[in-house]
Amino acid sequence: MKMLACKWFLSLAVAFSMALTPAFGASRIKDVASLQAGRDNQLIGYGLVVGLQGTGDSLRSSPFTDQSIRAMLQNLGISTQGGESRTRNVAAVLVTANLPPFASPGSRVDVTVGSLGDSTSLRGGFGGNAGRPLAKGDRIAVGEDAEIAMLPASGLAVVEPAVALRDVFPAPVDGALTIRALPAGEHDLFAGDGEAFWSQTWRISSRSDRTGYRLSGEPIKPTASIEMRSHGVVPGVIQVPPGGEPIVQMSDANTAGGYPKIAGVIECDLWRLGQARIGARLSFVRSTHAEARRVEQAVARYVDDVRQTCRMVKRALKAMA
């Protein structure tokens, strides 16, 4: 009887588990999880480059290089107390990279190594004089153009763009720079926050650089989390990461990104934005393609007028010589 009951119980358990299996197997990830769009991960590192043949950092301008060398040697168990450091063969560098959101083992990553001190590069031939610091007695060759030589020593002046083009470049409002932009592809995804983007005053964050200006202000977010494939971006594109504070792609813009785009700065206003300092206040004004084209034509006429005037002055000076 016990054997029969055991067999009956096992049969019932197997049947019950088989009945549950299809229900569990039919569950999909998107039914039980909420996924946000992928984003790039910025990697930042600090290091020392050695073997620079006398073109490294100087102690006077880069004391952190000496501190880094001492810290490294102490970690290796080497005492540096009482010793005098010489850093001319060593340079402190900052290593940065953007890790794509879907990177996998073996993926290639572009890495940028930048000098933090006053080191130069013999191999690259840049910095100082032929890749080394300037020294007493150095002579710097300067090319001489026959047309330039006849110009007055004080040079020639032109009316600066801010004055000559004041009719096409808006003046600051309450100290805030006015930047014109066009609504971008995902603008409508922000609904009410889309209008908040245009109406509020933003501040350029200290985390800004030539790659992108990060703007501080009241965060704006789309009405729902969206997943976007990475797509090409160009300078002037304004993206909104999950945190809600926009990023304006600048001269060294990323080539691709997956953040939704809310707007794009018109090309002729990019130079004005690029000259704004960290902490500067700015606001965006909705523009049109027709206005952007008119501004572009006005700037082109100004540049062409400067070129023609320079040629006329050079010819006049040549005739007077």
C-alpha atoms as a PDB file:
ATOM      1  CA  MET A   1       0.000   0.000   0.000  1.00  0.00           C
ATOM      2  CA  LYS A   2       2.839   2.375   0.835  1.00  0.00           C
ATOM      3  CA  MET A   3       4.529   1.571  -2.473  1.00  0.00           C
ATOM      4  CA  LEU A   4       1.290   2.318  -4.365  1.00  0.00           C
ATOM      5  CA  ALA A   5       0.813   5.630  -2.526  1.00  0.00           C
ATOM      6  CA  CYS A   6       4.418   6.658  -3.283  1.00  0.00           C
ATOM      7  CA  LYS A   7       3.983   5.920  -6.984  1.00  0.00           C
ATOM      8  CA  TRP A   8       0.715   7.848  -7.022  1.00  0.00           C
ATOM      9  CA  PHE A   9       2.358  10.870  -5.331  1.00  0.00           C
ATOM     10  CA  LEU A  10       5.291  10.868  -7.779  1.00  0.00           C
ATOM     11  CA  SER A  11       2.933  10.683 -10.747  1.00  0.00           C
ATOM     12  CA  LEU A  12       0.917  13.593  -9.415  1.00  0.00           C
ATOM     13  CA  ALA A  13       4.079  15.712  -8.838  1.00  0.00           C
ATOM     14  CA  VAL A  14       5.353  15.044 -12.369  1.00  0.00           C
ATOM     15  CA  ALA A  15       1.987  15.894 -13.900  1.00  0.00           C
ATOM     16  CA  PHE A  16       1.775  19.096 -11.861  1.00  0.00           C
ATOM     17  CA  SER A  17       5.279  20.216 -12.876  1.00  0.00           C
ATOM     18  CA  MET A  18       4.542  19.470 -16.542  1.00  0.00           C
ATOM     19  CA  ALA A  19       1.401  21.548 -16.312  1.00  0.00           C
ATOM     20  CA  LEU A  20       3.376  24.523 -14.982  1.00  0.00           C
ATOM     21  CA  THR A  21       6.256  24.316 -17.453  1.00  0.00           C
ATOM     22  CA  PRO A  22       4.555  25.993 -20.457  1.00  0.00           C
ATOM     23  CA  ALA A  23       3.443  28.967 -18.334  1.00  0.00           C
ATOM     24  CA  PHE A  24       6.999  29.635 -17.172  1.00  0.00           C
ATOM     25  CA  GLY A  25       8.444  29.007 -20.618  1.00  0.00           C
ATOM     26  CA  ALA A  26       6.103  31.555 -22.219  1.00  0.00           C
ATOM     27  CA  SER A  27       7.387  34.462 -20.076  1.00  0.00           C
ATOM     28  CA  ARG A  28       9.470  36.935 -22.055  1.00  0.00           C
ATOM     29  CA  ILE A  29      12.065  39.354 -20.711  1.00  0.00           C
ATOM     30  CA  LYS A  30      10.185  42.404 -21.956  1.00  0.00           C
ATOM     31  CA  ASP A  31       7.081  41.208 -20.045  1.00  0.00           C
ATOM     32  CA  VAL A  32       8.814  41.049 -16.688  1.00  0.00           C
ATOM     33  CA  ALA A  33      11.528  43.744 -16.977  1.00  0.00           C
ATOM     34  CA  SER A  34      11.843  47.403 -17.956  1.00  0.00           C
ATOM     35  CA  LEU A  35      14.929  48.236 -20.011  1.00  0.00           C
ATOM     36  CA  GLN A  36      16.355  51.706 -20.498  1.00  0.00           C
ATOM     37  CA  ALA A  37      18.268  52.876 -23.561  1.00  0.00           C
ATOM     38  CA  GLY A  38      21.973  52.010 -23.611  1.00  0.00           C
ATOM     39  CA  ARG A  39      24.472  54.778 -22.987  1.00  0.00           C
ATOM     40  CA  ASP A  40      28.186  55.276 -23.399  1.00  0.00           C
ATOM     41  CA  ASN A  41      30.364  54.875 -20.310  1.00  0.00           C
ATOM     42  CA  GLN A  42      33.203  57.356 -19.996  1.00  0.00           C
ATOM     43  CA  LEU A  43      36.440  55.836 -18.718  1.00  0.00           C
ATOM     44  CA  ILE A  44      39.035  58.093 -17.115  1.00  0.00           C
ATOM     45  CA  GLY A  45      42.490  57.116 -15.933  1.00  0.00           C
ATOM     46  CA  TYR A  46      45.710  58.725 -14.771  1.00  0.00           C
ATOM     47  CA  GLY A  47      49.217  57.476 -15.420  1.00  0.00           C
ATOM     48  CA  LEU A  48      52.867  58.180 -16.035  1.00  0.00           C
ATOM     49  CA  VAL A  49      54.746  57.940 -19.330  1.00  0.00           C
ATOM     50  CA  VAL A  50      58.467  57.253 -18.996  1.00  0.00           C
ATOM     51  CA  GLY A  51      61.499  57.324 -21.305  1.00  0.00           C
ATOM     52  CA  LEU A  52      60.866  60.758 -22.835  1.00  0.00           C
ATOM     53  CA  GLN A  53      64.538  61.698 -23.334  1.00  0.00           C
ATOM     54  CA  GLY A  54      64.416  64.967 -21.438  1.00  0.00           C
ATOM     55  CA  THR A  55      61.063  66.199 -22.783  1.00  0.00           C
ATOM     56  CA  GLY A  56      58.951  65.341 -19.719  1.00  0.00           C
ATOM     57  CA  ASP A  57      57.333  67.560 -17.102  1.00  0.00           C
ATOM     58  CA  SER A  58      59.232  70.153 -15.117  1.00  0.00           C
ATOM     59  CA  LEU A  59      59.001  70.254 -11.319  1.00  0.00           C
ATOM     60  CA  ARG A  60      58.120  73.941 -11.342  1.00  0.00           C
ATOM     61  CA  SER A  61      55.076  73.598 -13.604  1.00  0.00           C
ATOM     62  CA  SER A  62      54.004  70.045 -12.782  1.00  0.00           C
ATOM     63  CA  PRO A  63      54.574  69.206  -9.093  1.00  0.00           C
ATOM     64  CA  PHE A  64      51.952  66.442  -9.282  1.00  0.00           C
ATOM     65  CA  THR A  65      54.301  64.432 -11.518  1.00  0.00           C
ATOM     66  CA  ASP A  66      56.880  64.288  -8.739  1.00  0.00           C
ATOM     67  CA  GLN A  67      54.186  63.297  -6.233  1.00  0.00           C
ATOM     68  CA  SER A  68      52.999  60.505  -8.520  1.00  0.00           C
ATOM     69  CA  ILE A  69      56.522  59.143  -8.994  1.00  0.00           C
ATOM     70  CA  ARG A  70      57.125  59.079  -5.246  1.00  0.00           C
ATOM     71  CA  ALA A  71      53.772  57.399  -4.555  1.00  0.00           C
ATOM     72  CA  MET A  72      54.461  54.732  -7.182  1.00  0.00           C
ATOM     73  CA  LEU A  73      57.922  53.969  -5.825  1.00  0.00           C
ATOM     74  CA  GLN A  74      56.630  53.769  -2.243  1.00  0.00           C
ATOM     75  CA  ASN A  75      54.002  51.244  -3.366  1.00  0.00           C
ATOM     76  CA  LEU A  76      56.870  49.191  -4.774  1.00  0.00           C
ATOM     77  CA  GLY A  77      58.642  49.337  -1.426  1.00  0.00           C
ATOM     78  CA  ILE A  78      61.291  51.848  -2.528  1.00  0.00           C
ATOM     79  CA  SER A  79      61.992  54.706  -0.120  1.00  0.00           C
ATOM     80  CA  THR A  80      62.263  58.189  -1.658  1.00  0.00           C
ATOM     81  CA  GLN A  81      62.868  60.183   1.509  1.00  0.00           C
ATOM     82  CA  GLY A  82      65.719  62.623   1.237  1.00  0.00           C
ATOM     83  CA  GLY A  83      66.137  62.076  -2.485  1.00  0.00           C
ATOM     84  CA  GLU A  84      65.806  64.696  -5.204  1.00  0.00           C
ATOM     85  CA  SER A  85      63.434  63.917  -8.048  1.00  0.00           C
ATOM     86  CA  ARG A  86      64.037  64.709 -11.673  1.00  0.00           C
ATOM     87  CA  THR A  87      61.011  64.414 -13.892  1.00  0.00           C
ATOM     88  CA  ARG A  88      62.393  65.424 -17.282  1.00  0.00           C
ATOM     89  CA  ASN A  89      62.030  61.849 -18.570  1.00  0.00           C
ATOM     90  CA  VAL A  90      58.512  61.385 -17.139  1.00  0.00           C
ATOM     91  CA  ALA A  91      55.140  62.949 -17.987  1.00  0.00           C
ATOM     92  CA  ALA A  92      51.807  62.762 -16.164  1.00  0.00           C
ATOM     93  CA  VAL A  93      48.970  61.936 -18.552  1.00  0.00           C
ATOM     94  CA  LEU A  94      45.195  61.662 -18.491  1.00  0.00           C
ATOM     95  CA  VAL A  95      43.769  58.648 -20.304  1.00  0.00           C
ATOM     96  CA  THR A  96      40.141  58.856 -21.480  1.00  0.00           C
ATOM     97  CA  ALA A  97      37.883  56.614 -23.543  1.00  0.00           C
ATOM     98  CA  ASN A  98      34.208  56.088 -24.287  1.00  0.00           C
ATOM     99  CA  LEU A  99      33.015  52.519 -23.826  1.00  0.00           C
ATOM    100  CA  PRO A 100      30.038  51.832 -26.132  1.00  0.00           C
ATOM    101  CA  PRO A 101      26.881  50.565 -24.402  1.00  0.00           C
ATOM    102  CA  PHE A 102      27.002  47.154 -26.088  1.00  0.00           C
ATOM    103  CA  ALA A 103      30.746  46.533 -26.015  1.00  0.00           C
ATOM    104  CA  SER A 104      31.837  42.914 -25.712  1.00  0.00           C
ATOM    105  CA  PRO A 105      35.179  41.211 -25.043  1.00  0.00           C
ATOM    106  CA  GLY A 106      37.449  41.960 -27.983  1.00  0.00           C
ATOM    107  CA  SER A 107      35.706  45.220 -28.983  1.00  0.00           C
ATOM    108  CA  ARG A 108      38.030  48.028 -30.047  1.00  0.00           C
ATOM    109  CA  VAL A 109      37.963  51.234 -27.991  1.00  0.00           C
ATOM    110  CA  ASP A 110      39.487  54.576 -29.021  1.00  0.00           C
ATOM    111  CA  VAL A 111      41.718  55.875 -26.222  1.00  0.00           C
ATOM    112  CA  THR A 112      42.978  59.442 -25.905  1.00  0.00           C
ATOM    113  CA  VAL A 113      46.151  60.182 -23.955  1.00  0.00           C
ATOM    114  CA  GLY A 114      46.645  63.825 -23.020  1.00  0.00           C
ATOM    115  CA  SER A 115      49.508  65.527 -21.218  1.00  0.00           C
ATOM    116  CA  LEU A 116      48.639  67.159 -17.887  1.00  0.00           C
ATOM    117  CA  GLY A 117      51.908  69.032 -17.477  1.00  0.00           C
ATOM    118  CA  ASP A 118      54.341  70.871 -19.742  1.00  0.00           C
ATOM    119  CA  SER A 119      55.939  67.879 -21.431  1.00  0.00           C
ATOM    120  CA  THR A 120      56.633  67.924 -25.176  1.00  0.00           C
ATOM    121  CA  SER A 121      56.925  65.238 -27.851  1.00  0.00           C
ATOM    122  CA  LEU A 122      60.064  64.579 -29.851  1.00  0.00           C
ATOM    123  CA  ARG A 123      58.367  61.894 -31.942  1.00  0.00           C
ATOM    124  CA  GLY A 124      55.352  64.042 -32.705  1.00  0.00           C
ATOM    125  CA  GLY A 125      57.464  67.172 -33.096  1.00  0.00           C
ATOM    126  CA  PHE A 126      55.022  69.387 -31.226  1.00  0.00           C
ATOM    127  CA  GLY A 127      55.311  71.526 -28.128  1.00  0.00           C
ATOM    128  CA  GLY A 128      58.132  73.982 -27.477  1.00  0.00           C
ATOM    129  CA  ASN A 129      60.792  73.999 -30.193  1.00  0.00           C
ATOM    130  CA  ALA A 130      60.884  70.806 -32.301  1.00  0.00           C
ATOM    131  CA  GLY A 131      59.278  68.855 -29.481  1.00  0.00           C
ATOM    132  CA  ARG A 132      61.435  70.163 -26.652  1.00  0.00           C
ATOM    133  CA  PRO A 133      61.139  73.114 -24.254  1.00  0.00           C
ATOM    134  CA  LEU A 134      62.417  76.444 -25.528  1.00  0.00           C
ATOM    135  CA  ALA A 135      65.967  77.161 -24.409  1.00  0.00           C
ATOM    136  CA  LYS A 136      68.111  80.269 -24.278  1.00  0.00           C
ATOM    137  CA  GLY A 137      69.610  81.026 -27.669  1.00  0.00           C
ATOM    138  CA  ASP A 138      66.865  79.299 -29.697  1.00  0.00           C
ATOM    139  CA  ARG A 139      65.948  81.020 -32.937  1.00  0.00           C
ATOM    140  CA  ILE A 140      62.402  80.624 -34.220  1.00  0.00           C
ATOM    141  CA  ALA A 141      62.077  80.800 -37.995  1.00  0.00           C
ATOM    142  CA  VAL A 142      59.147  82.836 -39.256  1.00  0.00           C
ATOM    143  CA  GLY A 143      58.033  82.699 -42.876  1.00  0.00           C
ATOM    144  CA  GLU A 144      57.651  85.989 -44.725  1.00  0.00           C
ATOM    145  CA  ASP A 145      55.087  86.661 -47.426  1.00  0.00           C
ATOM    146  CA  ALA A 146      55.886  89.466 -49.865  1.00  0.00           C
ATOM    147  CA  GLU A 147      52.327  90.752 -49.602  1.00  0.00           C
ATOM    148  CA  ILE A 148      52.353  90.582 -45.801  1.00  0.00           C
ATOM    149  CA  ALA A 149      55.700  92.393 -45.610  1.00  0.00           C
ATOM    150  CA  MET A 150      54.215  95.523 -47.201  1.00  0.00           C
ATOM    151  CA  LEU A 151      51.406  95.814 -44.661  1.00  0.00           C
ATOM    152  CA  PRO A 152      51.684  98.410 -41.865  1.00  0.00           C
ATOM    153  CA  ALA A 153      53.408  97.188 -38.712  1.00  0.00           C
ATOM    154  CA  SER A 154      50.183  97.662 -36.787  1.00  0.00           C
ATOM    155  CA  GLY A 155      48.342  95.430 -39.263  1.00  0.00           C
ATOM    156  CA  LEU A 156      44.903  95.969 -40.736  1.00  0.00           C
ATOM    157  CA  ALA A 157      41.672  96.087 -38.784  1.00  0.00           C
ATOM    158  CA  VAL A 158      38.212  94.877 -39.727  1.00  0.00           C
ATOM    159  CA  VAL A 159      34.888  95.452 -38.070  1.00  0.00           C
ATOM    160  CA  GLU A 160      34.371  92.531 -35.704  1.00  0.00           C
ATOM    161  CA  PRO A 161      31.485  90.144 -36.480  1.00  0.00           C
ATOM    162  CA  ALA A 162      29.540  91.073 -33.330  1.00  0.00           C
ATOM    163  CA  VAL A 163      29.314  94.662 -34.654  1.00  0.00           C
ATOM    164  CA  ALA A 164      29.145  94.106 -38.402  1.00  0.00           C
ATOM    165  CA  LEU A 165      26.519  91.379 -38.010  1.00  0.00           C
ATOM    166  CA  ARG A 166      24.583  92.740 -35.052  1.00  0.00           C
ATOM    167  CA  ASP A 167      21.399  92.639 -37.125  1.00  0.00           C
ATOM    168  CA  VAL A 168      21.624  88.844 -37.508  1.00  0.00           C
ATOM    169  CA  PHE A 169      23.101  87.883 -34.122  1.00  0.00           C
ATOM    170  CA  PRO A 170      20.734  88.412 -31.153  1.00  0.00           C
ATOM    171  CA  ALA A 171      22.006  90.368 -28.171  1.00  0.00           C
ATOM    172  CA  PRO A 172      22.186  88.731 -24.716  1.00  0.00           C
ATOM    173  CA  VAL A 173      19.002  88.901 -22.652  1.00  0.00           C
ATOM    174  CA  ASP A 174      19.561  89.670 -18.944  1.00  0.00           C
ATOM    175  CA  GLY A 175      23.164  88.531 -19.331  1.00  0.00           C
ATOM    176  CA  ALA A 176      22.194  85.190 -20.897  1.00  0.00           C
ATOM    177  CA  LEU A 177      23.545  84.289 -24.332  1.00  0.00           C
ATOM    178  CA  THR A 178      20.775  83.654 -26.868  1.00  0.00           C
ATOM    179  CA  ILE A 179      21.386  80.608 -29.068  1.00  0.00           C
ATOM    180  CA  ARG A 180      19.106  79.681 -31.963  1.00  0.00           C
ATOM    181  CA  ALA A 181      18.228  76.033 -32.542  1.00  0.00           C
ATOM    182  CA  LEU A 182      15.903  73.836 -34.560  1.00  0.00           C
ATOM    183  CA  PRO A 183      13.682  71.138 -33.011  1.00  0.00           C
ATOM    184  CA  ALA A 184      15.245  67.706 -33.622  1.00  0.00           C
ATOM    185  CA  GLY A 185      13.883  64.258 -34.389  1.00  0.00           C
ATOM    186  CA  GLU A 186      12.819  63.239 -30.868  1.00  0.00           C
ATOM    187  CA  HIS A 187      11.595  66.670 -29.730  1.00  0.00           C
ATOM    188  CA  ASP A 188       7.955  65.554 -29.564  1.00  0.00           C
ATOM    189  CA  LEU A 189       8.849  62.727 -27.156  1.00  0.00           C
ATOM    190  CA  PHE A 190       9.434  65.308 -24.406  1.00  0.00           C
ATOM    191  CA  ALA A 191       5.895  66.757 -24.449  1.00  0.00           C
ATOM    192  CA  GLY A 192       5.685  69.437 -21.722  1.00  0.00           C
ATOM    193  CA  ASP A 193       9.372  69.139 -20.879  1.00  0.00           C
ATOM    194  CA  GLY A 194      10.104  70.039 -24.490  1.00  0.00           C
ATOM    195  CA  GLU A 195       8.712  73.514 -23.863  1.00  0.00           C
ATOM    196  CA  ALA A 196      10.667  73.736 -20.597  1.00  0.00           C
ATOM    197  CA  PHE A 197      13.833  73.243 -22.672  1.00  0.00           C
ATOM    198  CA  TRP A 198      13.112  76.461 -24.591  1.00  0.00           C
ATOM    199  CA  SER A 199      11.755  78.548 -21.733  1.00  0.00           C
ATOM    200  CA  GLN A 200      14.405  78.093 -19.032  1.00  0.00           C
ATOM    201  CA  THR A 201      17.911  79.519 -18.684  1.00  0.00           C
ATOM    202  CA  TRP A 202      20.730  76.957 -18.721  1.00  0.00           C
ATOM    203  CA  ARG A 203      24.240  77.180 -17.299  1.00  0.00           C
ATOM    204  CA  ILE A 204      27.352  75.628 -18.873  1.00  0.00           C
ATOM    205  CA  SER A 205      28.590  72.971 -16.437  1.00  0.00           C
ATOM    206  CA  SER A 206      32.194  72.622 -15.298  1.00  0.00           C
ATOM    207  CA  ARG A 207      32.144  69.127 -16.825  1.00  0.00           C
ATOM    208  CA  SER A 208      32.103  70.660 -20.315  1.00  0.00           C
ATOM    209  CA  ASP A 209      34.910  70.393 -22.868  1.00  0.00           C
ATOM    210  CA  ARG A 210      35.532  70.531 -26.623  1.00  0.00           C
ATOM    211  CA  THR A 211      33.606  67.296 -27.069  1.00  0.00           C
ATOM    212  CA  GLY A 212      30.388  68.562 -25.530  1.00  0.00           C
ATOM    213  CA  TYR A 213      28.882  71.249 -23.318  1.00  0.00           C
ATOM    214  CA  ARG A 214      26.872  69.824 -20.427  1.00  0.00           C
ATOM    215  CA  LEU A 215      24.084  72.133 -19.358  1.00  0.00           C
ATOM    216  CA  SER A 216      22.870  72.512 -15.774  1.00  0.00           C
ATOM    217  CA  GLY A 217      19.242  73.352 -15.095  1.00  0.00           C
ATOM    218  CA  GLU A 218      15.861  71.808 -14.375  1.00  0.00           C
ATOM    219  CA  PRO A 219      16.074  68.258 -15.834  1.00  0.00           C
ATOM    220  CA  ILE A 220      13.894  67.429 -18.821  1.00  0.00           C
ATOM    221  CA  LYS A 221      12.844  63.891 -19.649  1.00  0.00           C
ATOM    222  CA  PRO A 222      10.783  62.125 -22.323  1.00  0.00           C
ATOM    223  CA  THR A 223       7.264  60.971 -21.497  1.00  0.00           C
ATOM    224  CA  ALA A 224       8.434  57.330 -21.436  1.00  0.00           C
ATOM    225  CA  SER A 225      11.703  55.421 -21.419  1.00  0.00           C
ATOM    226  CA  ILE A 226      12.763  54.713 -24.976  1.00  0.00           C
ATOM    227  CA  GLU A 227      15.336  52.417 -26.529  1.00  0.00           C
ATOM    228  CA  MET A 228      17.285  53.882 -29.439  1.00  0.00           C
ATOM    229  CA  ARG A 229      19.951  52.451 -31.669  1.00  0.00           C
ATOM    230  CA  SER A 230      23.199  54.388 -31.836  1.00  0.00           C
ATOM    231  CA  HIS A 231      23.120  56.906 -34.682  1.00  0.00           C
ATOM    232  CA  GLY A 232      25.433  59.511 -36.146  1.00  0.00           C
ATOM    233  CA  VAL A 233      25.729  62.927 -34.499  1.00  0.00           C
ATOM    234  CA  VAL A 234      27.410  66.179 -35.570  1.00  0.00           C
ATOM    235  CA  PRO A 235      28.434  69.400 -33.789  1.00  0.00           C
ATOM    236  CA  GLY A 236      25.396  71.347 -32.624  1.00  0.00           C
ATOM    237  CA  VAL A 237      23.198  68.330 -31.846  1.00  0.00           C
ATOM    238  CA  ILE A 238      21.612  68.589 -28.379  1.00  0.00           C
ATOM    239  CA  GLN A 239      21.101  65.196 -26.719  1.00  0.00           C
ATOM    240  CA  VAL A 240      19.338  64.425 -23.461  1.00  0.00           C
ATOM    241  CA  PRO A 241      20.832  61.580 -21.352  1.00  0.00           C
ATOM    242  CA  PRO A 242      18.775  59.727 -18.708  1.00  0.00           C
ATOM    243  CA  GLY A 243      19.726  62.332 -16.068  1.00  0.00           C
ATOM    244  CA  GLY A 244      17.759  64.971 -17.974  1.00  0.00           C
ATOM    245  CA  GLU A 245      20.503  67.623 -18.352  1.00  0.00           C
ATOM    246  CA  PRO A 246      21.207  68.263 -22.072  1.00  0.00           C
ATOM    247  CA  ILE A 247      24.573  67.839 -23.786  1.00  0.00           C
ATOM    248  CA  VAL A 248      25.469  70.040 -26.773  1.00  0.00           C
ATOM    249  CA  GLN A 249      27.905  68.306 -29.121  1.00  0.00           C
ATOM    250  CA  MET A 250      30.789  70.711 -29.851  1.00  0.00           C
ATOM    251  CA  SER A 251      33.765  70.818 -32.247  1.00  0.00           C
ATOM    252  CA  ASP A 252      35.203  67.447 -31.149  1.00  0.00           C
ATOM    253  CA  ALA A 253      31.742  65.859 -31.131  1.00  0.00           C
ATOM    254  CA  ASN A 254      31.236  62.133 -30.726  1.00  0.00           C
ATOM    255  CA  THR A 255      30.626  60.393 -34.036  1.00  0.00           C
ATOM    256  CA  ALA A 256      27.656  58.385 -32.735  1.00  0.00           C
ATOM    257  CA  GLY A 257      25.300  58.276 -29.781  1.00  0.00           C
ATOM    258  CA  GLY A 258      22.033  56.796 -28.583  1.00  0.00           C
ATOM    259  CA  TYR A 259      20.516  59.587 -26.502  1.00  0.00           C
ATOM    260  CA  PRO A 260      17.318  61.211 -27.810  1.00  0.00           C
ATOM    261  CA  LYS A 261      17.856  64.503 -29.655  1.00  0.00           C
ATOM    262  CA  ILE A 262      15.713  67.439 -28.621  1.00  0.00           C
ATOM    263  CA  ALA A 263      17.220  70.184 -30.813  1.00  0.00           C
ATOM    264  CA  GLY A 264      20.160  71.253 -32.964  1.00  0.00           C
ATOM    265  CA  VAL A 265      22.046  74.578 -32.792  1.00  0.00           C
ATOM    266  CA  ILE A 266      22.170  76.382 -36.135  1.00  0.00           C
ATOM    267  CA  GLU A 267      25.694  76.315 -37.564  1.00  0.00           C
ATOM    268  CA  CYS A 268      26.291  80.079 -37.501  1.00  0.00           C
ATOM    269  CA  ASP A 269      25.587  80.235 -33.753  1.00  0.00           C
ATOM    270  CA  LEU A 270      28.037  77.458 -32.883  1.00  0.00           C
ATOM    271  CA  TRP A 271      31.049  79.793 -32.795  1.00  0.00           C
ATOM    272  CA  ARG A 272      29.232  82.054 -30.341  1.00  0.00           C
ATOM    273  CA  LEU A 273      28.448  79.095 -28.108  1.00  0.00           C
ATOM    274  CA  GLY A 274      32.034  77.847 -28.408  1.00  0.00           C
ATOM    275  CA  GLN A 275      33.358  81.159 -27.034  1.00  0.00           C
ATOM    276  CA  ALA A 276      31.096  81.021 -23.971  1.00  0.00           C
ATOM    277  CA  ARG A 277      32.928  80.278 -20.728  1.00  0.00           C
ATOM    278  CA  ILE A 278      32.240  77.654 -18.110  1.00  0.00           C
ATOM    279  CA  GLY A 279      29.430  78.914 -15.884  1.00  0.00           C
ATOM    280  CA  ALA A 280      27.980  81.176 -18.572  1.00  0.00           C
ATOM    281  CA  ARG A 281      24.182  81.378 -18.809  1.00  0.00           C
ATOM    282  CA  LEU A 282      22.351  80.763 -22.060  1.00  0.00           C
ATOM    283  CA  SER A 283      18.879  80.185 -23.424  1.00  0.00           C
ATOM    284  CA  PHE A 284      17.681  78.570 -26.628  1.00  0.00           C
ATOM    285  CA  VAL A 285      15.368  80.266 -29.111  1.00  0.00           C
ATOM    286  CA  ARG A 286      13.355  78.235 -31.581  1.00  0.00           C
ATOM    287  CA  SER A 287      14.553  79.023 -35.117  1.00  0.00           C
ATOM    288  CA  THR A 288      13.579  77.993 -38.644  1.00  0.00           C
ATOM    289  CA  HIS A 289      15.479  76.618 -41.621  1.00  0.00           C
ATOM    290  CA  ALA A 290      14.807  79.863 -43.490  1.00  0.00           C
ATOM    291  CA  GLU A 291      16.322  81.966 -40.688  1.00  0.00           C
ATOM    292  CA  ALA A 292      19.345  79.679 -40.431  1.00  0.00           C
ATOM    293  CA  ARG A 293      19.905  80.088 -44.163  1.00  0.00           C
ATOM    294  CA  ARG A 294      19.612  83.908 -43.972  1.00  0.00           C
ATOM    295  CA  VAL A 295      22.202  84.059 -41.169  1.00  0.00           C
ATOM    296  CA  GLU A 296      24.527  81.765 -43.122  1.00  0.00           C
ATOM    297  CA  GLN A 297      24.292  84.007 -46.188  1.00  0.00           C
ATOM    298  CA  ALA A 298      24.949  87.159 -44.123  1.00  0.00           C
ATOM    299  CA  VAL A 299      28.091  85.609 -42.576  1.00  0.00           C
ATOM    300  CA  ALA A 300      29.294  84.485 -46.017  1.00  0.00           C
ATOM    301  CA  ARG A 301      28.883  88.041 -47.363  1.00  0.00           C
ATOM    302  CA  TYR A 302      30.843  89.447 -44.404  1.00  0.00           C
ATOM    303  CA  VAL A 303      33.750  87.017 -44.885  1.00  0.00           C
ATOM    304  CA  ASP A 304      33.808  87.633 -48.645  1.00  0.00           C
ATOM    305  CA  ASP A 305      33.863  91.412 -48.048  1.00  0.00           C
ATOM    306  CA  VAL A 306      36.864  91.053 -45.712  1.00  0.00           C
ATOM    307  CA  ARG A 307      38.722  88.988 -48.331  1.00  0.00           C
ATOM    308  CA  GLN A 308      38.062  91.473 -51.119  1.00  0.00           C
ATOM    309  CA  THR A 309      38.978  94.481 -48.974  1.00  0.00           C
ATOM    310  CA  CYS A 310      42.298  92.845 -48.008  1.00  0.00           C
ATOM    311  CA  ARG A 311      43.147  92.282 -51.687  1.00  0.00           C
ATOM    312  CA  MET A 312      42.334  95.908 -52.535  1.00  0.00           C
ATOM    313  CA  VAL A 313      44.481  97.241 -49.678  1.00  0.00           C
ATOM    314  CA  LYS A 314      47.398  95.001 -50.682  1.00  0.00           C
ATOM    315  CA  ARG A 315      47.218  96.183 -54.290  1.00  0.00           C
ATOM    316  CA  ALA A 316      47.108  99.821 -53.176  1.00  0.00           C
ATOM    317  CA  LEU A 317      50.100  99.422 -50.897  1.00  0.00           C
ATOM    318  CA  LYS A 318      52.018  97.610 -53.634  1.00  0.00           C
ATOM    319  CA  ALA A 319      51.346 100.467 -56.052  1.00  0.00           C
ATOM    320  CA  MET A 320      52.540 103.002 -53.483  1.00  0.00           C
ATOM    321  CA  ALA A 321      55.752 101.117 -52.717  1.00  0.00           C
END
